[in-house]
Each structure stands twice: as structure tokens, then as C-alpha cells.
Amino acid sequence: MIDSTGNFLKLIGVPDLPPATSPFDPGYDPVTLEGHLAQSGHLMSRLKLSMACWLIADEDAVHRKIATARRCGVPIVTGGAPFELAVATGRLPAYVDLCQHLGVTRIECGAGFTDVELDPLEIVTLAGERGLEVQYELGKKSGGAFGRDTVDALIDEGWRWLDAGAAQLVIEARESAQGVGLFDAEGRLNRGFADRFGVAFGLEAVAFEAPTKPSQFALLDHFGRDVQLCNVRLEELLRVEIYRRGLHADAFDKDRLRLPGVEVPAVDLVGYATG
């Protein structure tokens, strides 16, 4: 007798995967976030406090959300906008001190909307002295879709940050995944450029922003289950993860995602609907 969802998943061959998606919190209330952490925290590689919303929210509410994530074993990363503003105003040490005080585990760095000069080793060292990791976002927020020369330059930039000790790189896609980064104006993934990043850094060291269903599914179709995704909305996390595990109807016939033993075309299921 199958008496749990976990046992049923094992029975049909669903792989046991480590967390590989980092959803973002753009300003959810603590109760909503707590509900998502209770339901899906085991599927989160980390939770991103997105943009600068957490800086103007009630501070007790922010502490409550971070504490809940920590209890659920979900690391917290802050978004890149506050970092860029801190650098631009000459207040980076104060910002890093604040992140340490709040109990986050990682800060995102980048130059997505500013042109500030960044020293990767200096910044990684500054964060490390306070027990914080660093991830670096590659790409401009208003720079349009990547070109070949852009990808070459970003790969060089990414290696400077990894060599300095950054924990991970993030590929920009904003909230639309259209006309930005790896996605053209129609939202189509440039698979060749995606491969350039995957081959250069490895799928463990690079995460791809995937804010929409087409971008999420395209990256999973292309790279398979091991791809690291981020900027996924909390309410979309379960959909992403059933697709990753071959449990979504659209993943049924995908070579990299379908369940072991599944043959395509599918068996005719007529008769089971009423049986």
C-alpha cells in the first residue's frame, strides 16, 4: 500500500534532487512567505530578498521573514539594487554590516544599472570578513539581448569574480525575459549563448534568471534537471519543480526530463478516466 506522496514518487521513478531554484520575495507579507516556506522550503536553494523593498518594509517584519527562512534551512540572499546604491553613495561597508546584522548569508553584487568600478577581490574580502558569501550578476538591466562580443566580455568578467572567491554567477533576465540577456524580443532563449555560460562556468557555478513560464521551461528543456534557476516567483516554484522532475504534462516527452521507463508516444489512457 502506498501511504505517502514520497513513496509514490519513488514508485514512479521521480529522481531525488537537491534544491536548484532560488525564488524571490518582492515584498510579500510575512504570513504569505511563511506559508510558502512551510510548503516549498525544501525545494529552495536560497530565498532572494528582491530589489530594495526590504529596506523600507517594517523592520520587525523583515526580521521575522529572515528568521523563518533560517528555521526552514533556507539561506537568504539580498538583491543587487541595494548593493549598487551602496557603492554609488560610498556606503558599501555600512550595507554589508547591515546584511550581517540581519542574518542574511549572501549578497548579490553587480553593475546592472550603474557604471561604478568594482574590485571583485576587495568586495569578496569585505563580505567574507563578515561571514557573507557573494554572488555576481552578469549583464545590464537595460542592455538588451546579449551579442557575441557581450558574451565574451561577460565570461571574462565572471571569471574575475569566481577567481576572487564569489560563490556563484547569475545571468540577468529581469522580470520579463524578453529583449534582455539570453532572451530575444519574443522571449526565445539563445541556446548557443546559454551553452557558452554553462560550458565556461559549469551548471553549479552559474544560475539563470527565469522569471516567466516560457523562460523556465526553455532553460530546463535545454540543460535538463541540473540547471540552477533564480528570480522565480514563489507561487510558481512548485510548477517549476514538477517540470524539473518530469511530473508536468509538458515535460512528459522531453528527453532530458521524462521519467525513467516512459516511452513516447504515450500509452493510450482511454478507459482509465472512468475506471
Protein backbone atom coordinates (compact mmCIF):
# COMPACT_ATOMS: atom_id res chain seq x y z
CA MET A 1 0.00 0.00 0.00
CA ILE A 2 1.30 3.45 -0.92
CA ASP A 3 0.68 5.65 2.11
CA SER A 4 2.62 8.83 1.30
CA THR A 5 3.36 11.15 -1.60
CA GLY A 6 7.07 10.48 -1.16
CA ASN A 7 6.63 6.72 -1.56
CA PHE A 8 4.52 7.22 -4.66
CA LEU A 9 7.15 9.47 -6.23
CA LYS A 10 9.77 6.79 -5.61
CA LEU A 11 7.48 4.16 -7.10
CA ILE A 12 7.16 6.02 -10.43
CA GLY A 13 10.86 6.85 -10.57
CA VAL A 14 10.91 10.57 -9.76
CA PRO A 15 14.54 11.49 -9.02
CA ASP A 16 15.53 12.80 -5.60
CA LEU A 17 17.09 16.17 -6.49
CA PRO A 18 18.90 18.78 -4.40
CA PRO A 19 17.33 22.25 -4.32
CA ALA A 20 18.22 24.15 -7.51
CA THR A 21 15.78 27.07 -7.66
CA SER A 22 16.11 30.40 -5.86
CA PRO A 23 12.70 32.12 -5.72
CA PHE A 24 12.42 35.79 -4.87
CA ASP A 25 10.46 37.83 -2.38
CA PRO A 26 9.49 41.19 -3.94
CA GLY A 27 7.68 42.28 -0.79
CA TYR A 28 5.35 39.51 0.36
CA ASP A 29 3.87 39.89 3.82
CA PRO A 30 5.42 37.63 6.49
CA VAL A 31 2.41 35.32 6.74
CA THR A 32 2.38 34.66 2.98
CA LEU A 33 6.11 34.00 2.94
CA GLU A 34 5.86 31.69 5.95
CA GLY A 35 3.21 29.67 4.15
CA HIS A 36 5.40 29.25 1.08
CA LEU A 37 8.41 28.28 3.19
CA ALA A 38 6.34 25.66 5.01
CA GLN A 39 5.07 24.26 1.71
CA SER A 40 8.13 24.54 -0.51
CA GLY A 41 11.17 25.47 1.56
CA HIS A 42 12.75 22.06 0.91
CA LEU A 43 12.79 22.92 -2.81
CA MET A 44 14.58 26.28 -2.44
CA SER A 45 18.32 26.60 -2.92
CA ARG A 46 18.03 30.04 -1.31
CA LEU A 47 15.49 32.84 -0.99
CA LYS A 48 16.21 36.24 -2.52
CA LEU A 49 15.04 39.44 -0.87
CA SER A 50 14.48 41.16 -4.16
CA MET A 51 15.13 44.78 -5.12
CA ALA A 52 15.19 47.27 -2.24
CA CYS A 53 11.68 46.54 -0.92
CA TRP A 54 13.02 45.04 2.30
CA LEU A 55 14.81 48.31 3.14
CA ILE A 56 11.54 50.25 3.52
CA ALA A 57 9.31 47.47 4.88
CA ASP A 58 8.67 47.32 8.62
CA GLU A 59 11.96 46.09 10.06
CA ASP A 60 10.33 43.69 12.50
CA ALA A 61 8.55 42.06 9.57
CA VAL A 62 11.86 41.71 7.72
CA HIS A 63 13.48 40.12 10.77
CA ARG A 64 10.52 37.75 11.06
CA LYS A 65 10.83 36.64 7.43
CA ILE A 66 14.57 36.05 7.67
CA ALA A 67 14.19 34.15 10.93
CA THR A 68 11.52 31.91 9.41
CA ALA A 69 13.70 31.13 6.41
CA ARG A 70 16.60 30.25 8.69
CA ARG A 71 14.40 27.89 10.73
CA CYS A 72 13.39 26.20 7.47
CA GLY A 73 17.03 25.84 6.45
CA VAL A 74 16.71 28.24 3.53
CA PRO A 75 19.65 30.66 3.09
CA ILE A 76 18.87 34.31 2.31
CA VAL A 77 20.47 36.41 -0.43
CA THR A 78 19.82 40.12 -0.91
CA GLY A 79 19.17 41.53 -4.38
CA GLY A 80 21.66 43.58 -6.33
CA ALA A 81 19.96 47.00 -6.36
CA PRO A 82 20.81 47.94 -2.74
CA PHE A 83 24.41 46.86 -3.38
CA GLU A 84 24.71 49.13 -6.40
CA LEU A 85 23.18 52.05 -4.50
CA ALA A 86 25.52 51.46 -1.56
CA VAL A 87 28.54 51.52 -3.87
CA ALA A 88 27.31 54.59 -5.74
CA THR A 89 26.81 56.51 -2.47
CA GLY A 90 30.09 55.35 -0.92
CA ARG A 91 28.36 53.33 1.80
CA LEU A 92 29.24 49.74 0.90
CA PRO A 93 30.78 48.82 4.30
CA ALA A 94 27.63 50.04 6.06
CA TYR A 95 25.45 47.98 3.72
CA VAL A 96 27.49 44.83 4.32
CA ASP A 97 27.31 45.46 8.08
CA LEU A 98 23.52 45.71 7.82
CA CYS A 99 23.28 42.43 5.90
CA GLN A 100 25.39 40.71 8.55
CA HIS A 101 23.22 42.16 11.32
CA LEU A 102 20.01 40.94 9.67
CA GLY A 103 21.33 37.39 9.32
CA VAL A 104 21.45 37.01 5.55
CA THR A 105 24.04 34.59 4.18
CA ARG A 106 24.86 36.09 0.78
CA ILE A 107 24.75 39.41 -1.04
CA GLU A 108 24.29 39.87 -4.76
CA CYS A 109 26.70 42.26 -6.44
CA GLY A 110 26.60 43.72 -9.91
CA ALA A 111 26.58 46.81 -12.10
CA GLY A 112 23.22 46.30 -13.77
CA PHE A 113 22.13 49.95 -13.76
CA THR A 114 25.25 51.80 -12.60
CA ASP A 115 28.72 52.18 -14.08
CA VAL A 116 30.67 52.02 -10.83
CA GLU A 117 34.12 50.45 -10.79
CA LEU A 118 34.15 47.24 -8.75
CA ASP A 119 37.15 45.37 -7.39
CA PRO A 120 36.00 41.73 -7.05
CA LEU A 121 38.68 40.72 -4.53
CA GLU A 122 38.09 43.78 -2.35
CA ILE A 123 34.33 43.19 -2.26
CA VAL A 124 34.52 39.45 -1.69
CA THR A 125 37.01 40.05 1.11
CA LEU A 126 34.83 42.76 2.68
CA ALA A 127 31.85 40.39 2.69
CA GLY A 128 33.88 37.40 3.83
CA GLU A 129 35.17 39.26 6.87
CA ARG A 130 31.54 39.47 7.98
CA GLY A 131 30.76 35.85 7.19
CA LEU A 132 28.87 36.62 3.99
CA GLU A 133 29.08 34.99 0.57
CA VAL A 134 28.93 36.92 -2.70
CA GLN A 135 27.16 36.18 -5.96
CA TYR A 136 27.69 38.37 -9.01
CA GLU A 137 25.09 39.22 -11.64
CA LEU A 138 26.29 39.34 -15.24
CA GLY A 139 24.57 41.70 -17.68
CA LYS A 140 22.95 45.13 -17.79
CA LYS A 141 19.30 45.59 -16.93
CA SER A 142 18.75 47.89 -19.92
CA GLY A 143 21.43 46.49 -22.20
CA GLY A 144 19.13 44.45 -24.41
CA ALA A 145 19.71 40.90 -25.57
CA PHE A 146 23.32 39.68 -25.48
CA GLY A 147 25.50 39.76 -28.57
CA ARG A 148 28.57 37.61 -29.22
CA ASP A 149 31.01 40.29 -28.04
CA THR A 150 28.91 40.87 -24.93
CA VAL A 151 29.02 37.17 -24.01
CA ASP A 152 32.81 37.10 -24.45
CA ALA A 153 33.21 40.10 -22.13
CA LEU A 154 30.78 38.71 -19.55
CA ILE A 155 32.59 35.38 -19.40
CA ASP A 156 35.86 37.22 -18.71
CA GLU A 157 34.08 39.31 -16.07
CA GLY A 158 32.56 36.22 -14.49
CA TRP A 159 35.93 34.53 -14.15
CA ARG A 160 37.35 37.59 -12.38
CA TRP A 161 34.63 37.25 -9.74
CA LEU A 162 34.92 33.48 -9.39
CA ASP A 163 38.69 33.72 -9.11
CA ALA A 164 38.20 36.33 -6.37
CA GLY A 165 36.02 33.89 -4.42
CA ALA A 166 32.45 34.61 -5.49
CA ALA A 167 30.16 31.68 -4.74
CA GLN A 168 28.03 31.90 -7.89
CA LEU A 169 27.25 33.90 -11.01
CA VAL A 170 23.76 34.98 -12.10
CA ILE A 171 22.70 35.68 -15.70
CA GLU A 172 20.40 38.71 -15.98
CA ALA A 173 16.86 38.35 -17.38
CA ARG A 174 14.93 40.94 -15.30
CA GLU A 175 11.19 40.35 -14.78
CA SER A 176 10.27 39.78 -18.43
CA ALA A 177 12.91 37.54 -20.05
CA GLN A 178 12.21 39.46 -23.25
CA GLY A 179 14.77 41.55 -25.07
CA VAL A 180 17.29 41.09 -22.27
CA GLY A 181 20.21 38.77 -21.62
CA LEU A 182 19.78 35.36 -23.24
CA PHE A 183 16.26 36.13 -24.48
CA ASP A 184 15.30 37.94 -27.69
CA ALA A 185 12.41 40.38 -28.11
CA GLU A 186 9.94 37.47 -28.44
CA GLY A 187 11.29 35.73 -25.35
CA ARG A 188 13.17 32.99 -27.23
CA LEU A 189 16.21 31.53 -25.49
CA ASN A 190 19.52 31.86 -27.31
CA ARG A 191 20.66 28.31 -26.66
CA GLY A 192 24.11 28.84 -28.14
CA PHE A 193 24.86 31.72 -25.77
CA ALA A 194 23.36 29.79 -22.85
CA ASP A 195 25.76 26.95 -23.62
CA ARG A 196 28.68 29.37 -23.62
CA PHE A 197 27.96 30.25 -19.99
CA GLY A 198 27.19 26.67 -19.00
CA VAL A 199 30.41 25.34 -20.51
CA ALA A 200 32.55 28.21 -19.23
CA PHE A 201 31.43 28.05 -15.61
CA GLY A 202 29.61 24.75 -15.12
CA LEU A 203 25.98 24.44 -14.06
CA GLU A 204 26.83 24.50 -10.36
CA ALA A 205 28.55 27.90 -10.58
CA VAL A 206 26.00 29.75 -12.70
CA ALA A 207 22.29 30.43 -12.14
CA PHE A 208 19.95 31.67 -14.85
CA GLU A 209 17.21 34.17 -14.11
CA ALA A 210 13.92 32.66 -15.28
CA PRO A 211 11.05 34.96 -14.32
CA THR A 212 8.41 33.56 -16.71
CA LYS A 213 6.99 30.15 -17.57
CA PRO A 214 8.48 30.14 -21.11
CA SER A 215 11.93 31.06 -19.81
CA GLN A 216 11.77 28.47 -17.03
CA PHE A 217 10.69 25.66 -19.33
CA ALA A 218 13.14 26.65 -22.08
CA LEU A 219 16.11 26.50 -19.72
CA LEU A 220 15.01 23.19 -18.22
CA ASP A 221 14.38 21.72 -21.69
CA HIS A 222 17.83 22.81 -22.80
CA PHE A 223 20.00 21.99 -19.79
CA GLY A 224 17.93 19.36 -18.02
CA ARG A 225 17.25 18.86 -14.32
CA ASP A 226 20.57 20.18 -13.01
CA VAL A 227 20.21 23.78 -14.19
CA GLN A 228 20.14 26.40 -11.43
CA LEU A 229 17.23 28.83 -11.80
CA CYS A 230 16.52 32.09 -9.96
CA ASN A 231 14.10 35.02 -9.96
CA VAL A 232 11.20 32.57 -9.92
CA ARG A 233 8.05 33.82 -8.21
CA LEU A 234 7.16 31.96 -5.02
CA GLU A 235 3.77 30.93 -6.37
CA GLU A 236 5.45 29.43 -9.45
CA LEU A 237 8.07 27.38 -7.61
CA LEU A 238 6.05 24.15 -7.41
CA ARG A 239 5.25 24.33 -11.13
CA VAL A 240 8.93 24.74 -11.95
CA GLU A 241 9.86 21.80 -9.75
CA ILE A 242 7.26 19.38 -11.13
CA TYR A 243 8.52 20.27 -14.60
CA ARG A 244 12.11 19.67 -13.46
CA ARG A 245 11.10 16.24 -12.14
CA GLY A 246 9.09 15.14 -15.18
CA LEU A 247 5.74 15.43 -13.41
CA HIS A 248 4.33 18.18 -15.64
CA ALA A 249 2.35 17.21 -18.75
CA ASP A 250 4.63 19.35 -20.93
CA ALA A 251 7.72 17.52 -19.65
CA PHE A 252 6.34 14.06 -20.48
CA ASP A 253 8.01 13.81 -23.88
CA LYS A 254 11.17 15.83 -23.12
CA ASP A 255 14.31 13.71 -23.42
CA ARG A 256 16.10 15.40 -20.52
CA LEU A 257 13.13 15.44 -18.15
CA ARG A 258 10.79 12.50 -18.66
CA LEU A 259 10.55 9.79 -16.06
CA PRO A 260 12.58 6.57 -16.35
CA GLY A 261 10.76 3.88 -18.33
CA VAL A 262 8.39 6.33 -20.01
CA GLU A 263 8.09 5.67 -23.73
CA VAL A 264 6.87 8.25 -26.23
CA PRO A 265 4.29 8.25 -27.73
CA ALA A 266 2.38 7.73 -24.52
CA VAL A 267 0.21 4.72 -23.81
CA ASP A 268 -3.46 5.28 -24.62
CA LEU A 269 -5.13 6.01 -21.29
CA VAL A 270 -8.73 5.86 -22.55
CA GLY A 271 -10.70 3.76 -20.09
CA TYR A 272 -8.73 4.88 -17.05
CA ALA A 273 -10.63 8.16 -16.86
CA THR A 274 -13.81 6.47 -15.69
CA GLY A 275 -12.32 3.34 -14.29
